[in-house]
Protein backbone atom coordinates (compact mmCIF):
# COMPACT_ATOMS: atom_id res chain seq x y z
CA MET A 1 9.29 76.37 -5.58
CA PRO A 2 9.36 79.35 -3.20
CA HIS A 3 8.45 81.52 -6.18
CA ASN A 4 5.30 79.42 -6.77
CA ARG A 5 4.29 79.61 -3.10
CA ASN A 6 4.73 83.37 -3.15
CA SER A 7 2.65 83.59 -6.30
CA ARG A 8 -0.17 81.59 -4.78
CA PHE A 9 -0.03 83.67 -1.61
CA THR A 10 -0.15 86.87 -3.64
CA GLU A 11 -3.05 85.51 -5.68
CA ALA A 12 -4.95 84.53 -2.50
CA ARG A 13 -4.43 88.00 -1.08
CA GLN A 14 -5.93 89.46 -4.21
CA ILE A 15 -8.91 87.10 -4.21
CA PHE A 16 -9.77 87.46 -0.50
CA PRO A 17 -10.95 91.10 -0.70
CA TYR A 18 -13.03 90.17 -3.72
CA PHE A 19 -14.55 87.25 -1.79
CA LEU A 20 -15.33 89.45 1.18
CA LYS A 21 -16.85 92.14 -0.97
CA ARG A 22 -19.04 89.73 -2.88
CA TYR A 23 -20.04 87.08 -0.36
CA LEU A 24 -19.72 88.62 3.11
CA PRO A 25 -22.98 90.60 2.84
CA LEU A 26 -24.74 87.39 1.84
CA LEU A 27 -23.25 85.52 4.78
CA LEU A 28 -24.22 88.31 7.14
CA LEU A 29 -27.72 88.28 5.73
CA VAL A 30 -27.97 84.51 6.30
CA VAL A 31 -26.72 84.91 9.88
CA VAL A 32 -29.22 87.71 10.56
CA LEU A 33 -32.07 85.69 9.06
CA PHE A 34 -31.20 82.67 11.22
CA ALA A 35 -30.99 84.88 14.31
CA VAL A 36 -34.36 86.48 13.56
CA TYR A 37 -35.92 83.07 12.86
CA PHE A 38 -34.71 81.56 16.13
CA ARG A 39 -35.68 84.68 18.07
CA VAL A 40 -39.20 84.61 16.61
CA ASP A 41 -39.44 80.87 17.23
CA ILE A 42 -38.31 81.21 20.87
CA THR A 43 -40.65 84.17 21.44
CA HIS A 44 -43.56 82.22 19.97
CA GLU A 45 -42.77 79.18 22.13
CA ARG A 46 -42.44 81.37 25.22
CA ARG A 47 -45.81 82.99 24.51
CA GLN A 48 -47.39 79.57 24.10
CA ILE A 49 -45.96 78.44 27.44
CA GLU A 50 -47.10 81.68 29.11
CA ALA A 51 -50.60 81.23 27.69
CA GLN A 52 -50.78 77.61 28.88
CA GLU A 53 -49.53 78.48 32.37
CA GLY A 54 -51.83 81.48 32.53
CA HIS A 55 -54.75 79.21 31.70
CA ARG A 56 -53.77 76.80 34.49
CA VAL A 57 -53.48 79.68 36.96
CA ASP A 58 -56.93 80.92 35.93
CA LEU A 59 -58.38 77.43 36.45
CA ALA A 60 -56.77 77.21 39.88
CA LEU A 61 -58.06 80.66 40.86
CA ARG A 62 -61.58 79.81 39.71
CA ALA A 63 -61.48 76.56 41.71
CA ILE A 64 -60.40 78.44 44.83
CA GLU A 65 -62.94 81.23 44.30
CA THR A 66 -65.75 78.72 43.76
CA ASP A 67 -64.90 76.89 46.96
CA ILE A 68 -64.62 80.08 49.02
CA SER A 69 -67.86 81.48 47.59
CA GLY A 70 -69.65 78.31 48.68
CA VAL A 71 -68.18 78.51 52.19
CA VAL A 72 -69.17 82.18 52.51
CA ALA A 73 -72.73 81.41 51.42
CA GLU A 74 -73.00 78.61 53.98
CA LEU A 75 -71.61 80.86 56.71
CA HIS A 76 -74.26 83.47 55.92
CA TYR A 77 -76.91 80.75 56.02
CA LEU A 78 -75.83 79.67 59.50
CA ALA A 79 -75.46 83.23 60.78
CA ASP A 80 -79.07 83.93 59.72
CA SER A 81 -80.44 80.74 61.28
CA SER A 82 -82.83 81.03 64.21
CA ALA A 83 -80.51 78.89 66.39
CA VAL A 84 -77.63 81.34 66.02
CA ARG A 85 -79.83 84.43 66.38
CA ASP A 86 -81.62 83.08 69.45
CA TYR A 87 -78.42 82.16 71.24
CA CYS A 88 -76.64 85.40 70.32
CA ALA A 89 -79.67 87.43 71.42
CA GLY A 90 -78.91 86.44 75.01
CA GLY A 91 -80.09 82.88 75.23
CA GLY A 92 -79.23 80.48 78.01
CA GLU A 93 -78.35 76.81 78.14
CA GLU A 94 -81.44 75.73 76.19
CA GLU A 95 -80.51 78.03 73.31
CA ARG A 96 -76.89 76.91 73.49
CA HIS A 97 -77.93 73.27 73.13
CA ALA A 98 -80.17 74.23 70.22
CA LEU A 99 -77.18 75.93 68.56
CA GLN A 100 -75.05 72.82 69.16
CA SER A 101 -77.71 70.67 67.51
CA GLU A 102 -77.97 73.06 64.55
CA LEU A 103 -74.21 73.08 63.95
CA GLU A 104 -73.91 69.32 64.49
CA SER A 105 -76.66 68.61 61.95
CA PHE A 106 -75.12 71.06 59.49
CA ALA A 107 -71.65 69.52 59.84
CA GLN A 108 -73.00 66.00 59.37
CA HIS A 109 -74.90 67.04 56.26
CA ILE A 110 -72.26 69.20 54.54
CA LYS A 111 -69.24 67.07 55.55
CA ARG A 112 -66.53 69.55 54.60
CA TYR A 113 -65.95 71.56 57.76
CA GLN A 114 -63.41 70.31 60.25
CA GLN A 115 -64.78 72.58 62.95
CA LEU A 116 -67.85 74.79 63.47
CA ARG A 117 -67.57 77.16 66.42
CA TRP A 118 -69.01 80.12 68.25
CA LEU A 119 -66.57 82.19 70.30
CA ASP A 120 -67.48 84.90 72.77
CA LEU A 121 -65.96 88.40 72.94
CA GLN A 122 -63.03 87.11 75.01
CA GLY A 123 -62.15 84.46 72.44
CA HIS A 124 -63.40 81.46 74.41
CA GLU A 125 -65.10 78.65 72.54
CA ARG A 126 -68.67 78.33 73.83
CA VAL A 127 -69.99 75.95 71.19
CA ARG A 128 -67.83 73.69 69.05
CA ILE A 129 -68.51 70.81 66.69
CA ASP A 130 -65.68 68.65 65.33
CA TYR A 131 -66.14 66.62 62.16
CA GLN A 132 -63.80 63.62 62.16
CA ASP A 133 -63.88 60.19 60.56
CA GLY A 134 -67.22 60.94 58.91
CA THR A 135 -68.96 61.90 62.15
CA ALA A 136 -69.92 65.25 63.66
CA LYS A 137 -69.27 65.39 67.39
CA VAL A 138 -70.16 67.94 70.05
CA VAL A 139 -67.04 68.97 71.98
CA PRO A 140 -67.80 68.87 75.74
CA PRO A 141 -67.34 72.06 77.79
CA HIS A 142 -64.16 70.88 79.54
CA GLN A 143 -62.42 70.50 76.16
CA LEU A 144 -63.32 73.93 74.82
CA GLN A 145 -60.32 76.21 74.27
CA ASP A 146 -59.25 79.83 74.58
CA LYS A 147 -58.52 81.19 71.10
CA SER A 148 -58.06 84.83 72.12
CA GLN A 149 -54.40 84.84 71.02
CA ARG A 150 -55.03 83.38 67.60
CA TYR A 151 -54.59 85.95 64.84
CA TYR A 152 -57.83 85.07 63.07
CA PHE A 153 -59.89 85.81 66.19
CA ARG A 154 -58.42 89.28 66.59
CA GLU A 155 -58.68 90.11 62.88
CA ALA A 156 -62.23 88.82 62.46
CA MET A 157 -63.54 90.45 65.63
CA ALA A 158 -62.33 93.83 64.36
CA LEU A 159 -64.76 93.65 61.43
CA ALA A 160 -68.29 94.98 61.31
CA PRO A 161 -71.17 92.53 61.87
CA GLY A 162 -72.25 90.96 58.62
CA THR A 163 -68.74 91.15 57.19
CA VAL A 164 -67.06 87.87 56.29
CA TYR A 165 -63.44 87.22 57.21
CA VAL A 166 -61.34 84.67 55.31
CA SER A 167 -58.04 83.80 56.95
CA PRO A 168 -54.80 82.93 55.18
CA MET A 169 -54.31 79.22 54.64
CA ASP A 170 -52.28 77.69 57.43
CA LEU A 171 -52.17 74.63 59.68
CA ASN A 172 -54.63 73.60 62.34
CA VAL A 173 -53.55 74.35 65.91
CA GLU A 174 -54.96 72.57 68.96
CA ASN A 175 -54.09 73.67 72.49
CA GLY A 176 -51.29 75.84 71.13
CA VAL A 177 -49.62 73.02 69.15
CA VAL A 178 -49.70 72.43 65.38
CA GLU A 179 -51.75 69.31 64.76
CA LEU A 180 -50.01 66.28 63.24
CA PRO A 181 -50.37 65.11 60.59
CA HIS A 182 -50.61 68.57 59.09
CA ARG A 183 -54.11 69.77 58.21
CA PRO A 184 -54.15 72.87 55.97
CA MET A 185 -57.02 75.12 56.98
CA LEU A 186 -58.98 78.27 56.16
CA ARG A 187 -61.07 79.97 58.83
CA VAL A 188 -64.11 81.77 57.52
CA ALA A 189 -65.84 83.86 60.18
CA THR A 190 -68.38 86.60 60.77
CA PRO A 191 -69.12 88.63 63.93
CA THR A 192 -72.51 88.04 65.55
CA VAL A 193 -74.68 90.51 67.51
CA ASP A 194 -76.92 90.44 70.57
CA ALA A 195 -80.53 91.59 70.81
CA ALA A 196 -79.43 95.23 70.91
CA GLY A 197 -77.33 94.85 67.76
CA ALA A 198 -74.01 94.99 69.62
CA ARG A 199 -71.25 92.63 68.57
CA ASN A 200 -71.04 89.74 71.02
CA GLY A 201 -69.14 86.89 69.40
CA LEU A 202 -67.80 85.17 66.35
CA LEU A 203 -69.18 82.34 64.21
CA ILE A 204 -66.35 80.38 62.58
CA LEU A 205 -66.15 77.59 60.03
CA ASN A 206 -62.85 75.73 59.73
CA TYR A 207 -62.57 74.64 56.12
CA GLU A 208 -59.96 71.94 55.57
CA THR A 209 -58.31 72.68 52.23
CA GLN A 210 -56.47 69.45 51.42
CA GLY A 211 -59.11 68.55 48.83
CA LEU A 212 -58.76 71.98 47.25
CA LEU A 213 -54.97 71.63 47.11
CA ASP A 214 -55.30 68.17 45.56
CA ARG A 215 -57.57 69.58 42.83
CA PHE A 216 -55.04 72.37 42.30
CA ALA A 217 -52.25 69.81 41.85
CA SER A 218 -54.35 67.73 39.43
CA LEU A 219 -54.35 70.63 36.93
CA GLY A 220 -50.75 69.73 36.09
CA GLU A 221 -51.16 65.97 35.81
CA GLY A 222 -50.06 64.48 32.49
CA LYS A 223 -48.77 67.84 31.21
CA ASP A 224 -45.10 67.52 32.16
CA VAL A 225 -45.45 70.42 34.61
CA THR A 226 -45.15 70.77 38.37
CA LEU A 227 -47.60 73.07 40.09
CA GLN A 228 -46.56 74.77 43.30
CA LEU A 229 -48.36 77.22 45.56
CA ILE A 230 -46.60 79.74 47.81
CA ASN A 231 -48.24 82.24 50.16
CA SER A 232 -47.26 85.89 50.57
CA ASP A 233 -44.88 85.01 53.43
CA GLY A 234 -42.92 82.56 51.27
CA PHE A 235 -44.26 79.32 52.76
CA TRP A 236 -45.08 76.43 50.48
CA LEU A 237 -48.83 75.73 50.63
CA TYR A 238 -48.44 73.01 48.03
CA HIS A 239 -45.26 71.31 46.84
CA PRO A 240 -44.87 67.86 45.22
CA ASP A 241 -42.47 66.98 48.04
CA ARG A 242 -44.68 66.71 51.13
CA LYS A 243 -41.73 67.50 53.41
CA ARG A 244 -41.45 70.98 51.90
CA ARG A 245 -45.10 71.93 52.47
CA PHE A 246 -45.52 74.68 55.05
CA ALA A 247 -41.75 75.02 55.21
């Protein structure tokens, strides 16, 4: 019995090298082919995902660019209006009231600007229209604010007249306090000039961007994806969890 086991062991030792020599290259080839197949398949799937996500990003960018282009065009329209030019040329109270009426009518017609304002060189609001609950309202003088410390005032006032400034998206601030509930906002502004062509103030449109963010989010609906938007400082501009937005 031990002799038979030794014989079988010896026979197996003789067969194993033959097996390796004959079949191992084939096994290695099969393994390599499977590895190549799965690598190609994963690469193809990754490229498909990248193409799909790239398409969604392009759609989101075009939506944002379209909105901003429209806001810039409307800002230019207002800046070239006779009401703005007359007041900025050195007008008095009559011209200021005419500017208020122009901005109020514009806000009521367009319906997408949360605020329309003219600030003087010191950053004080001199004319302001608020659009709330479907109505444009003139803000009385005693409620006008000093915005000289707000970053967008300093940055926009440093530009040449005729240049358009678009702020980063952030939250609306009233009397130094972030407004609740949160209202994401872009400020689009251009410096204005007096009769001598000297810069004398700033025309600003506050564009509330919640609708834009909602359209951005809708690009992922029904596609088993979650779209998120982060600014250059690392704050969430859009996140499915509302508590994480602007955090």
